[in-house]
Amino acid sequence: MNENILNGFKEYLLRSKSFSDNTVESYDRDIKKILAYLEEGGYDLENYNWLNEPFVIEYIDYLKDNKYSSATLSRTISTIHGFIDYLYEEKIISDRININIKIDKKKKTN
């Protein structure tokens, strides 16, 4: 994936969403983790055919299997929504992709 897209996404988050620097860095890390997962899985990063709900479900399941917290899972989904918005607004993708996944927040038991 083009480094300009990653930098543009960070600028978009700062400009359009008014996120804090810390949140922007967290989203940037999330996207880079997704890209590493995609590369490892042999996905084509130059197009966005992978950016769909079945892929997101697969990726969230991967994170669950690796014991990521529900807060991290929720933020990852928010990151993906933001990335879709950015790609759509910049006309990098032609359709706004609908990702409708909710994370169950499990209650801690003692």
PDB file of N, CA and C in Angstrom:
ATOM      1  N   MET A   1       0.850  -1.179   0.000  1.00  0.00           N
ATOM      2  CA  MET A   1       0.000   0.000   0.000  1.00  0.00           C
ATOM      3  C   MET A   1       0.893   1.239   0.000  1.00  0.00           C
ATOM      4  N   ASN A   2       0.426   2.213  -0.659  1.00  0.00           N
ATOM      5  CA  ASN A   2       1.158   3.458  -0.824  1.00  0.00           C
ATOM      6  C   ASN A   2       1.300   4.192   0.515  1.00  0.00           C
ATOM      7  N   GLU A   3       2.514   4.610   0.823  1.00  0.00           N
ATOM      8  CA  GLU A   3       2.775   5.358   2.066  1.00  0.00           C
ATOM      9  C   GLU A   3       1.994   6.669   2.090  1.00  0.00           C
ATOM     10  N   ASN A   4       1.732   7.242   0.912  1.00  0.00           N
ATOM     11  CA  ASN A   4       0.948   8.486   0.845  1.00  0.00           C
ATOM     12  C   ASN A   4      -0.464   8.273   1.375  1.00  0.00           C
ATOM     13  N   ILE A   5      -1.012   7.102   1.148  1.00  0.00           N
ATOM     14  CA  ILE A   5      -2.365   6.811   1.651  1.00  0.00           C
ATOM     15  C   ILE A   5      -2.340   6.754   3.176  1.00  0.00           C
ATOM     16  N   LEU A   6      -1.332   6.128   3.744  1.00  0.00           N
ATOM     17  CA  LEU A   6      -1.238   6.052   5.202  1.00  0.00           C
ATOM     18  C   LEU A   6      -1.064   7.444   5.804  1.00  0.00           C
ATOM     19  N   ASN A   7      -0.207   8.254   5.204  1.00  0.00           N
ATOM     20  CA  ASN A   7      -0.016   9.626   5.695  1.00  0.00           C
ATOM     21  C   ASN A   7      -1.282  10.453   5.504  1.00  0.00           C
ATOM     22  N   GLY A   8      -1.947  10.270   4.370  1.00  0.00           N
ATOM     23  CA  GLY A   8      -3.199  10.980   4.126  1.00  0.00           C
ATOM     24  C   GLY A   8      -4.263  10.607   5.136  1.00  0.00           C
ATOM     25  N   PHE A   9      -4.313   9.331   5.505  1.00  0.00           N
ATOM     26  CA  PHE A   9      -5.270   8.875   6.506  1.00  0.00           C
ATOM     27  C   PHE A   9      -5.008   9.561   7.843  1.00  0.00           C
ATOM     28  N   LYS A  10      -3.754   9.645   8.241  1.00  0.00           N
ATOM     29  CA  LYS A  10      -3.415  10.316   9.499  1.00  0.00           C
ATOM     30  C   LYS A  10      -3.828  11.784   9.458  1.00  0.00           C
ATOM     31  N   GLU A  11      -3.548  12.459   8.352  1.00  0.00           N
ATOM     32  CA  GLU A  11      -3.942  13.869   8.209  1.00  0.00           C
ATOM     33  C   GLU A  11      -5.454  14.016   8.251  1.00  0.00           C
ATOM     34  N   TYR A  12      -6.155  13.099   7.600  1.00  0.00           N
ATOM     35  CA  TYR A  12      -7.617  13.100   7.592  1.00  0.00           C
ATOM     36  C   TYR A  12      -8.157  12.986   9.018  1.00  0.00           C
ATOM     37  N   LEU A  13      -7.588  12.104   9.819  1.00  0.00           N
ATOM     38  CA  LEU A  13      -8.049  11.931  11.194  1.00  0.00           C
ATOM     39  C   LEU A  13      -7.840  13.201  12.012  1.00  0.00           C
ATOM     40  N   LEU A  14      -6.711  13.845  11.807  1.00  0.00           N
ATOM     41  CA  LEU A  14      -6.435  15.084  12.536  1.00  0.00           C
ATOM     42  C   LEU A  14      -7.351  16.215  12.072  1.00  0.00           C
ATOM     43  N   ARG A  15      -7.524  16.327  10.766  1.00  0.00           N
ATOM     44  CA  ARG A  15      -8.278  17.433  10.169  1.00  0.00           C
ATOM     45  C   ARG A  15      -9.788  17.236  10.306  1.00  0.00           C
ATOM     46  N   SER A  16     -10.289  16.105   9.849  1.00  0.00           N
ATOM     47  CA  SER A  16     -11.733  15.897   9.754  1.00  0.00           C
ATOM     48  C   SER A  16     -12.358  15.382  11.043  1.00  0.00           C
ATOM     49  N   LYS A  17     -11.627  14.606  11.779  1.00  0.00           N
ATOM     50  CA  LYS A  17     -12.178  13.995  12.982  1.00  0.00           C
ATOM     51  C   LYS A  17     -11.717  14.696  14.256  1.00  0.00           C
ATOM     52  N   SER A  18     -10.731  15.556  14.135  1.00  0.00           N
ATOM     53  CA  SER A  18     -10.175  16.280  15.288  1.00  0.00           C
ATOM     54  C   SER A  18      -9.727  15.334  16.403  1.00  0.00           C
ATOM     55  N   PHE A  19      -9.167  14.197  15.997  1.00  0.00           N
ATOM     56  CA  PHE A  19      -8.664  13.244  16.981  1.00  0.00           C
ATOM     57  C   PHE A  19      -7.366  13.758  17.599  1.00  0.00           C
ATOM     58  N   SER A  20      -7.090  13.298  18.800  1.00  0.00           N
ATOM     59  CA  SER A  20      -5.834  13.636  19.454  1.00  0.00           C
ATOM     60  C   SER A  20      -4.689  12.921  18.747  1.00  0.00           C
ATOM     61  N   ASP A  21      -3.483  13.407  18.966  1.00  0.00           N
ATOM     62  CA  ASP A  21      -2.307  12.757  18.384  1.00  0.00           C
ATOM     63  C   ASP A  21      -2.217  11.301  18.823  1.00  0.00           C
ATOM     64  N   ASN A  22      -2.546  11.030  20.090  1.00  0.00           N
ATOM     65  CA  ASN A  22      -2.483   9.666  20.608  1.00  0.00           C
ATOM     66  C   ASN A  22      -3.463   8.746  19.875  1.00  0.00           C
ATOM     67  N   THR A  23      -4.674   9.226  19.645  1.00  0.00           N
ATOM     68  CA  THR A  23      -5.673   8.427  18.933  1.00  0.00           C
ATOM     69  C   THR A  23      -5.235   8.181  17.494  1.00  0.00           C
ATOM     70  N   VAL A  24      -4.703   9.204  16.851  1.00  0.00           N
ATOM     71  CA  VAL A  24      -4.221   9.064  15.474  1.00  0.00           C
ATOM     72  C   VAL A  24      -3.115   8.019  15.412  1.00  0.00           C
ATOM     73  N   GLU A  25      -2.202   8.042  16.366  1.00  0.00           N
ATOM     74  CA  GLU A  25      -1.120   7.048  16.382  1.00  0.00           C
ATOM     75  C   GLU A  25      -1.667   5.644  16.620  1.00  0.00           C
ATOM     76  N   SER A  26      -2.695   5.520  17.461  1.00  0.00           N
ATOM     77  CA  SER A  26      -3.317   4.209  17.689  1.00  0.00           C
ATOM     78  C   SER A  26      -3.969   3.695  16.413  1.00  0.00           C
ATOM     79  N   TYR A  27      -4.676   4.556  15.709  1.00  0.00           N
ATOM     80  CA  TYR A  27      -5.298   4.169  14.440  1.00  0.00           C
ATOM     81  C   TYR A  27      -4.234   3.791  13.415  1.00  0.00           C
ATOM     82  N   ASP A  28      -3.144   4.542  13.389  1.00  0.00           N
ATOM     83  CA  ASP A  28      -2.048   4.245  12.460  1.00  0.00           C
ATOM     84  C   ASP A  28      -1.457   2.864  12.757  1.00  0.00           C
ATOM     85  N   ARG A  29      -1.249   2.563  14.030  1.00  0.00           N
ATOM     86  CA  ARG A  29      -0.746   1.236  14.411  1.00  0.00           C
ATOM     87  C   ARG A  29      -1.732   0.146  14.001  1.00  0.00           C
ATOM     88  N   ASP A  30      -3.039   0.411  14.211  1.00  0.00           N
ATOM     89  CA  ASP A  30      -4.058  -0.574  13.822  1.00  0.00           C
ATOM     90  C   ASP A  30      -3.986  -0.862  12.328  1.00  0.00           C
ATOM     91  N   ILE A  31      -3.913   0.184  11.507  1.00  0.00           N
ATOM     92  CA  ILE A  31      -3.858  -0.015  10.051  1.00  0.00           C
ATOM     93  C   ILE A  31      -2.596  -0.776   9.673  1.00  0.00           C
ATOM     94  N   LYS A  32      -1.485  -0.458  10.287  1.00  0.00           N
ATOM     95  CA  LYS A  32      -0.228  -1.156   9.965  1.00  0.00           C
ATOM     96  C   LYS A  32      -0.295  -2.626  10.370  1.00  0.00           C
ATOM     97  N   LYS A  33      -0.976  -2.944  11.471  1.00  0.00           N
ATOM     98  CA  LYS A  33      -1.160  -4.347  11.866  1.00  0.00           C
ATOM     99  C   LYS A  33      -2.037  -5.077  10.851  1.00  0.00           C
ATOM    100  N   ILE A  34      -3.081  -4.401  10.376  1.00  0.00           N
ATOM    101  CA  ILE A  34      -3.945  -4.999   9.360  1.00  0.00           C
ATOM    102  C   ILE A  34      -3.142  -5.263   8.096  1.00  0.00           C
ATOM    103  N   LEU A  35      -2.329  -4.304   7.693  1.00  0.00           N
ATOM    104  CA  LEU A  35      -1.526  -4.467   6.476  1.00  0.00           C
ATOM    105  C   LEU A  35      -0.531  -5.617   6.615  1.00  0.00           C
ATOM    106  N   ALA A  36       0.072  -5.754   7.794  1.00  0.00           N
ATOM    107  CA  ALA A  36       0.992  -6.876   8.025  1.00  0.00           C
ATOM    108  C   ALA A  36       0.246  -8.202   7.923  1.00  0.00           C
ATOM    109  N   TYR A  37      -0.950  -8.253   8.483  1.00  0.00           N
ATOM    110  CA  TYR A  37      -1.790  -9.455   8.402  1.00  0.00           C
ATOM    111  C   TYR A  37      -2.121  -9.767   6.946  1.00  0.00           C
ATOM    112  N   LEU A  38      -2.473  -8.739   6.182  1.00  0.00           N
ATOM    113  CA  LEU A  38      -2.798  -8.920   4.769  1.00  0.00           C
ATOM    114  C   LEU A  38      -1.598  -9.443   3.978  1.00  0.00           C
ATOM    115  N   GLU A  39      -0.443  -8.845   4.217  1.00  0.00           N
ATOM    116  CA  GLU A  39       0.769  -9.289   3.513  1.00  0.00           C
ATOM    117  C   GLU A  39       1.078 -10.745   3.829  1.00  0.00           C
ATOM    118  N   GLU A  40       0.977 -11.084   5.114  1.00  0.00           N
ATOM    119  CA  GLU A  40       1.243 -12.458   5.539  1.00  0.00           C
ATOM    120  C   GLU A  40       0.259 -13.432   4.894  1.00  0.00           C
ATOM    121  N   GLY A  41      -0.978 -12.985   4.684  1.00  0.00           N
ATOM    122  CA  GLY A  41      -2.011 -13.821   4.083  1.00  0.00           C
ATOM    123  C   GLY A  41      -2.002 -13.819   2.565  1.00  0.00           C
ATOM    124  N   GLY A  42      -1.099 -13.052   1.964  1.00  0.00           N
ATOM    125  CA  GLY A  42      -0.990 -13.027   0.512  1.00  0.00           C
ATOM    126  C   GLY A  42      -2.027 -12.178  -0.197  1.00  0.00           C
ATOM    127  N   TYR A  43      -2.668 -11.281   0.536  1.00  0.00           N
ATOM    128  CA  TYR A  43      -3.657 -10.389  -0.073  1.00  0.00           C
ATOM    129  C   TYR A  43      -2.968  -9.346  -0.952  1.00  0.00           C
ATOM    130  N   ASP A  44      -3.666  -8.875  -1.968  1.00  0.00           N
ATOM    131  CA  ASP A  44      -3.189  -7.805  -2.838  1.00  0.00           C
ATOM    132  C   ASP A  44      -3.497  -6.467  -2.162  1.00  0.00           C
ATOM    133  N   LEU A  45      -2.458  -5.737  -1.783  1.00  0.00           N
ATOM    134  CA  LEU A  45      -2.659  -4.478  -1.075  1.00  0.00           C
ATOM    135  C   LEU A  45      -2.932  -3.307  -2.011  1.00  0.00           C
ATOM    136  N   GLU A  46      -2.697  -3.497  -3.292  1.00  0.00           N
ATOM    137  CA  GLU A  46      -2.860  -2.392  -4.241  1.00  0.00           C
ATOM    138  C   GLU A  46      -4.306  -2.118  -4.602  1.00  0.00           C
ATOM    139  N   ASN A  47      -5.177  -3.073  -4.355  1.00  0.00           N
ATOM    140  CA  ASN A  47      -6.602  -2.795  -4.519  1.00  0.00           C
ATOM    141  C   ASN A  47      -7.258  -3.022  -3.163  1.00  0.00           C
ATOM    142  N   TYR A  48      -8.495  -2.698  -3.054  1.00  0.00           N
ATOM    143  CA  TYR A  48      -9.164  -2.781  -1.757  1.00  0.00           C
ATOM    144  C   TYR A  48     -10.266  -3.828  -1.752  1.00  0.00           C
ATOM    145  N   ASN A  49     -10.099  -4.874  -2.559  1.00  0.00           N
ATOM    146  CA  ASN A  49     -11.079  -5.968  -2.587  1.00  0.00           C
ATOM    147  C   ASN A  49     -11.171  -6.673  -1.240  1.00  0.00           C
ATOM    148  N   TRP A  50     -10.124  -6.644  -0.467  1.00  0.00           N
ATOM    149  CA  TRP A  50     -10.102  -7.277   0.849  1.00  0.00           C
ATOM    150  C   TRP A  50     -10.950  -6.518   1.863  1.00  0.00           C
ATOM    151  N   LEU A  51     -11.254  -5.260   1.575  1.00  0.00           N
ATOM    152  CA  LEU A  51     -11.938  -4.397   2.533  1.00  0.00           C
ATOM    153  C   LEU A  51     -13.442  -4.650   2.474  1.00  0.00           C
ATOM    154  N   ASN A  52     -13.862  -5.672   3.231  1.00  0.00           N
ATOM    155  CA  ASN A  52     -15.269  -6.067   3.266  1.00  0.00           C
ATOM    156  C   ASN A  52     -15.557  -6.714   4.619  1.00  0.00           C
ATOM    157  N   GLU A  53     -16.823  -6.922   4.893  1.00  0.00           N
ATOM    158  CA  GLU A  53     -17.204  -7.452   6.202  1.00  0.00           C
ATOM    159  C   GLU A  53     -16.641  -8.857   6.476  1.00  0.00           C
ATOM    160  N   PRO A  54     -16.661  -9.782   5.504  1.00  0.00           N
ATOM    161  CA  PRO A  54     -16.067 -11.098   5.791  1.00  0.00           C
ATOM    162  C   PRO A  54     -14.589 -11.014   6.196  1.00  0.00           C
ATOM    163  N   PHE A  55     -13.830 -10.127   5.541  1.00  0.00           N
ATOM    164  CA  PHE A  55     -12.427  -9.979   5.941  1.00  0.00           C
ATOM    165  C   PHE A  55     -12.322  -9.428   7.354  1.00  0.00           C
ATOM    166  N   VAL A  56     -13.131  -8.419   7.671  1.00  0.00           N
ATOM    167  CA  VAL A  56     -13.062  -7.817   9.001  1.00  0.00           C
ATOM    168  C   VAL A  56     -13.421  -8.843  10.065  1.00  0.00           C
ATOM    169  N   ILE A  57     -14.420  -9.672   9.807  1.00  0.00           N
ATOM    170  CA  ILE A  57     -14.769 -10.744  10.750  1.00  0.00           C
ATOM    171  C   ILE A  57     -13.577 -11.687  10.938  1.00  0.00           C
ATOM    172  N   GLU A  58     -12.947 -12.063   9.836  1.00  0.00           N
ATOM    173  CA  GLU A  58     -11.766 -12.935   9.905  1.00  0.00           C
ATOM    174  C   GLU A  58     -10.651 -12.286  10.732  1.00  0.00           C
ATOM    175  N   TYR A  59     -10.413 -11.013  10.490  1.00  0.00           N
ATOM    176  CA  TYR A  59      -9.337 -10.317  11.201  1.00  0.00           C
ATOM    177  C   TYR A  59      -9.664 -10.164  12.689  1.00  0.00           C
ATOM    178  N   ILE A  60     -10.904  -9.833  13.004  1.00  0.00           N
ATOM    179  CA  ILE A  60     -11.293  -9.709  14.414  1.00  0.00           C
ATOM    180  C   ILE A  60     -11.174 -11.064  15.109  1.00  0.00           C
ATOM    181  N   ASP A  61     -11.564 -12.135  14.437  1.00  0.00           N
ATOM    182  CA  ASP A  61     -11.386 -13.480  15.010  1.00  0.00           C
ATOM    183  C   ASP A  61      -9.912 -13.769  15.273  1.00  0.00           C
ATOM    184  N   TYR A  62      -9.048 -13.358  14.355  1.00  0.00           N
ATOM    185  CA  TYR A  62      -7.598 -13.510  14.537  1.00  0.00           C
ATOM    186  C   TYR A  62      -7.141 -12.752  15.791  1.00  0.00           C
ATOM    187  N   LEU A  63      -7.620 -11.518  15.956  1.00  0.00           N
ATOM    188  CA  LEU A  63      -7.247 -10.741  17.142  1.00  0.00           C
ATOM    189  C   LEU A  63      -7.765 -11.401  18.414  1.00  0.00           C
ATOM    190  N   LYS A  64      -8.999 -11.910  18.367  1.00  0.00           N
ATOM    191  CA  LYS A  64      -9.558 -12.616  19.535  1.00  0.00           C
ATOM    192  C   LYS A  64      -8.712 -13.828  19.888  1.00  0.00           C
ATOM    193  N   ASP A  65      -8.314 -14.581  18.869  1.00  0.00           N
ATOM    194  CA  ASP A  65      -7.489 -15.774  19.090  1.00  0.00           C
ATOM    195  C   ASP A  65      -6.154 -15.414  19.724  1.00  0.00           C
ATOM    196  N   ASN A  66      -5.707 -14.171  19.485  1.00  0.00           N
ATOM    197  CA  ASN A  66      -4.445 -13.707  20.045  1.00  0.00           C
ATOM    198  C   ASN A  66      -4.645 -12.884  21.312  1.00  0.00           C
ATOM    199  N   LYS A  67      -5.829 -13.016  21.897  1.00  0.00           N
ATOM    200  CA  LYS A  67      -6.155 -12.480  23.225  1.00  0.00           C
ATOM    201  C   LYS A  67      -6.133 -10.955  23.332  1.00  0.00           C
ATOM    202  N   TYR A  68      -6.475 -10.270  22.232  1.00  0.00           N
ATOM    203  CA  TYR A  68      -6.609  -8.814  22.318  1.00  0.00           C
ATOM    204  C   TYR A  68      -7.863  -8.472  23.093  1.00  0.00           C
ATOM    205  N   SER A  69      -7.847  -7.350  23.791  1.00  0.00           N
ATOM    206  CA  SER A  69      -8.981  -6.939  24.623  1.00  0.00           C
ATOM    207  C   SER A  69     -10.156  -6.491  23.758  1.00  0.00           C
ATOM    208  N   SER A  70     -11.340  -6.482  24.368  1.00  0.00           N
ATOM    209  CA  SER A  70     -12.520  -6.017  23.640  1.00  0.00           C
ATOM    210  C   SER A  70     -12.376  -4.540  23.278  1.00  0.00           C
ATOM    211  N   ALA A  71     -11.667  -3.764  24.099  1.00  0.00           N
ATOM    212  CA  ALA A  71     -11.437  -2.347  23.773  1.00  0.00           C
ATOM    213  C   ALA A  71     -10.593  -2.220  22.510  1.00  0.00           C
ATOM    214  N   THR A  72      -9.579  -3.061  22.372  1.00  0.00           N
ATOM    215  CA  THR A  72      -8.748  -3.039  21.171  1.00  0.00           C
ATOM    216  C   THR A  72      -9.548  -3.480  19.959  1.00  0.00           C
ATOM    217  N   LEU A  73     -10.383  -4.490  20.128  1.00  0.00           N
ATOM    218  CA  LEU A  73     -11.219  -4.952  19.024  1.00  0.00           C
ATOM    219  C   LEU A  73     -12.175  -3.846  18.572  1.00  0.00           C
ATOM    220  N   SER A  74     -12.789  -3.163  19.521  1.00  0.00           N
ATOM    221  CA  SER A  74     -13.705  -2.069  19.190  1.00  0.00           C
ATOM    222  C   SER A  74     -12.974  -0.937  18.473  1.00  0.00           C
ATOM    223  N   ARG A  75     -11.782  -0.593  18.970  1.00  0.00           N
ATOM    224  CA  ARG A  75     -11.016   0.470  18.322  1.00  0.00           C
ATOM    225  C   ARG A  75     -10.603   0.061  16.921  1.00  0.00           C
ATOM    226  N   THR A  76     -10.257  -1.202  16.734  1.00  0.00           N
ATOM    227  CA  THR A  76      -9.876  -1.687  15.407  1.00  0.00           C
ATOM    228  C   THR A  76     -11.034  -1.521  14.424  1.00  0.00           C
ATOM    229  N   ILE A  77     -12.226  -1.826  14.857  1.00  0.00           N
ATOM    230  CA  ILE A  77     -13.394  -1.644  13.986  1.00  0.00           C
ATOM    231  C   ILE A  77     -13.603  -0.159  13.692  1.00  0.00           C
ATOM    232  N   SER A  78     -13.424   0.687  14.701  1.00  0.00           N
ATOM    233  CA  SER A  78     -13.520   2.128  14.476  1.00  0.00           C
ATOM    234  C   SER A  78     -12.457   2.594  13.488  1.00  0.00           C
ATOM    235  N   THR A  79     -11.268   2.042  13.607  1.00  0.00           N
ATOM    236  CA  THR A  79     -10.193   2.378  12.678  1.00  0.00           C
ATOM    237  C   THR A  79     -10.587   2.018  11.257  1.00  0.00           C
ATOM    238  N   ILE A  80     -11.136   0.831  11.086  1.00  0.00           N
ATOM    239  CA  ILE A  80     -11.547   0.380   9.750  1.00  0.00           C
ATOM    240  C   ILE A  80     -12.647   1.283   9.195  1.00  0.00           C
ATOM    241  N   HIS A  81     -13.616   1.659  10.030  1.00  0.00           N
ATOM    242  CA  HIS A  81     -14.664   2.589   9.581  1.00  0.00           C
ATOM    243  C   HIS A  81     -14.048   3.909   9.134  1.00  0.00           C
ATOM    244  N   GLY A  82     -13.130   4.435   9.912  1.00  0.00           N
ATOM    245  CA  GLY A  82     -12.468   5.692   9.556  1.00  0.00           C
ATOM    246  C   GLY A  82     -11.679   5.569   8.272  1.00  0.00           C
ATOM    247  N   PHE A  83     -11.012   4.431   8.094  1.00  0.00           N
ATOM    248  CA  PHE A  83     -10.219   4.200   6.885  1.00  0.00           C
ATOM    249  C   PHE A  83     -11.131   4.133   5.661  1.00  0.00           C
ATOM    250  N   ILE A  84     -12.266   3.471   5.799  1.00  0.00           N
ATOM    251  CA  ILE A  84     -13.238   3.409   4.703  1.00  0.00           C
ATOM    252  C   ILE A  84     -13.728   4.822   4.357  1.00  0.00           C
ATOM    253  N   ASP A  85     -14.068   5.602   5.386  1.00  0.00           N
ATOM    254  CA  ASP A  85     -14.522   6.974   5.145  1.00  0.00           C
ATOM    255  C   ASP A  85     -13.464   7.773   4.395  1.00  0.00           C
ATOM    256  N   TYR A  86     -12.214   7.643   4.831  1.00  0.00           N
ATOM    257  CA  TYR A  86     -11.113   8.359   4.170  1.00  0.00           C
ATOM    258  C   TYR A  86     -10.975   7.932   2.712  1.00  0.00           C
ATOM    259  N   LEU A  87     -10.936   6.637   2.463  1.00  0.00           N
ATOM    260  CA  LEU A  87     -10.778   6.139   1.096  1.00  0.00           C
ATOM    261  C   LEU A  87     -11.931   6.597   0.204  1.00  0.00           C
ATOM    262  N   TYR A  88     -13.134   6.617   0.751  1.00  0.00           N
ATOM    263  CA  TYR A  88     -14.302   7.029  -0.025  1.00  0.00           C
ATOM    264  C   TYR A  88     -14.249   8.542  -0.316  1.00  0.00           C
ATOM    265  N   GLU A  89     -13.972   9.325   0.698  1.00  0.00           N
ATOM    266  CA  GLU A  89     -13.923  10.779   0.506  1.00  0.00           C
ATOM    267  C   GLU A  89     -12.819  11.203  -0.451  1.00  0.00           C
ATOM    268  N   GLU A  90     -11.733  10.454  -0.473  1.00  0.00           N
ATOM    269  CA  GLU A  90     -10.624  10.760  -1.384  1.00  0.00           C
ATOM    270  C   GLU A  90     -10.814  10.118  -2.756  1.00  0.00           C
ATOM    271  N   LYS A  91     -11.966   9.437  -2.936  1.00  0.00           N
ATOM    272  CA  LYS A  91     -12.312   8.772  -4.196  1.00  0.00           C
ATOM    273  C   LYS A  91     -11.305   7.679  -4.584  1.00  0.00           C
ATOM    274  N   ILE A  92     -10.718   7.056  -3.573  1.00  0.00           N
ATOM    275  CA  ILE A  92      -9.822   5.921  -3.786  1.00  0.00           C
ATOM    276  C   ILE A  92     -10.656   4.656  -3.974  1.00  0.00           C
ATOM    277  N   ILE A  93     -11.795   4.611  -3.289  1.00  0.00           N
ATOM    278  CA  ILE A  93     -12.795   3.564  -3.524  1.00  0.00           C
ATOM    279  C   ILE A  93     -14.079   4.248  -3.967  1.00  0.00           C
ATOM    280  N   SER A  94     -14.863   3.566  -4.791  1.00  0.00           N
ATOM    281  CA  SER A  94     -16.060   4.198  -5.369  1.00  0.00           C
ATOM    282  C   SER A  94     -17.319   4.004  -4.529  1.00  0.00           C
ATOM    283  N   ASP A  95     -17.328   3.020  -3.655  1.00  0.00           N
ATOM    284  CA  ASP A  95     -18.502   2.757  -2.822  1.00  0.00           C
ATOM    285  C   ASP A  95     -18.108   2.770  -1.357  1.00  0.00           C
ATOM    286  N   ARG A  96     -18.983   3.341  -0.536  1.00  0.00           N
ATOM    287  CA  ARG A  96     -18.752   3.305   0.914  1.00  0.00           C
ATOM    288  C   ARG A  96     -19.125   1.899   1.382  1.00  0.00           C
ATOM    289  N   ILE A  97     -18.180   1.195   1.901  1.00  0.00           N
ATOM    290  CA  ILE A  97     -18.354  -0.196   2.298  1.00  0.00           C
ATOM    291  C   ILE A  97     -19.000  -0.233   3.680  1.00  0.00           C
ATOM    292  N   ASN A  98     -20.011  -1.078   3.831  1.00  0.00           N
ATOM    293  CA  ASN A  98     -20.713  -1.201   5.093  1.00  0.00           C
ATOM    294  C   ASN A  98     -20.113  -2.347   5.909  1.00  0.00           C
ATOM    295  N   ILE A  99     -19.607  -1.999   7.074  1.00  0.00           N
ATOM    296  CA  ILE A  99     -19.091  -2.989   8.019  1.00  0.00           C
ATOM    297  C   ILE A  99     -19.941  -2.855   9.279  1.00  0.00           C
ATOM    298  N   ASN A 100     -20.721  -3.876   9.581  1.00  0.00           N
ATOM    299  CA  ASN A 100     -21.632  -3.813  10.720  1.00  0.00           C
ATOM    300  C   ASN A 100     -21.293  -4.941  11.692  1.00  0.00           C
ATOM    301  N   ILE A 101     -20.267  -4.707  12.481  1.00  0.00           N
ATOM    302  CA  ILE A 101     -19.795  -5.708  13.444  1.00  0.00           C
ATOM    303  C   ILE A 101     -19.771  -5.061  14.816  1.00  0.00           C
ATOM    304  N   LYS A 102     -20.319  -5.749  15.777  1.00  0.00           N
ATOM    305  CA  LYS A 102     -20.331  -5.272  17.165  1.00  0.00           C
ATOM    306  C   LYS A 102     -19.472  -6.214  18.011  1.00  0.00           C
ATOM    307  N   ILE A 103     -18.793  -5.642  18.969  1.00  0.00           N
ATOM    308  CA  ILE A 103     -17.964  -6.422  19.885  1.00  0.00           C
ATOM    309  C   ILE A 103     -18.697  -6.554  21.208  1.00  0.00           C
ATOM    310  N   ASP A 104     -18.864  -7.798  21.675  1.00  0.00           N
ATOM    311  CA  ASP A 104     -19.458  -8.029  22.976  1.00  0.00           C
ATOM    312  C   ASP A 104     -18.424  -7.705  24.046  1.00  0.00           C
ATOM    313  N   LYS A 105     -18.810  -6.839  24.937  1.00  0.00           N
ATOM    314  CA  LYS A 105     -17.920  -6.505  26.056  1.00  0.00           C
ATOM    315  C   LYS A 105     -18.264  -7.432  27.196  1.00  0.00           C
ATOM    316  N   LYS A 106     -17.378  -8.382  27.429  1.00  0.00           N
ATOM    317  CA  LYS A 106     -17.627  -9.370  28.473  1.00  0.00           C
ATOM    318  C   LYS A 106     -17.396  -8.756  29.850  1.00  0.00           C
ATOM    319  N   LYS A 107     -18.274  -9.127  30.747  1.00  0.00           N
ATOM    320  CA  LYS A 107     -18.109  -8.671  32.131  1.00  0.00           C
ATOM    321  C   LYS A 107     -17.014  -9.504  32.778  1.00  0.00           C
ATOM    322  N   LYS A 108     -16.203  -8.826  33.563  1.00  0.00           N
ATOM    323  CA  LYS A 108     -15.145  -9.533  34.280  1.00  0.00           C
ATOM    324  C   LYS A 108     -15.762 -10.271  35.454  1.00  0.00           C
ATOM    325  N   THR A 109     -15.286 -11.478  35.649  1.00  0.00           N
ATOM    326  CA  THR A 109     -15.763 -12.257  36.796  1.00  0.00           C
ATOM    327  C   THR A 109     -14.636 -12.402  37.795  1.00  0.00           C
ATOM    328  N   ASN A 110     -15.001 -12.461  39.039  1.00  0.00           N
ATOM    329  CA  ASN A 110     -13.980 -12.595  40.079  1.00  0.00           C
ATOM    330  C   ASN A 110     -13.862 -14.012  40.534  1.00  0.00           C
TER     331      ASN A 110
END
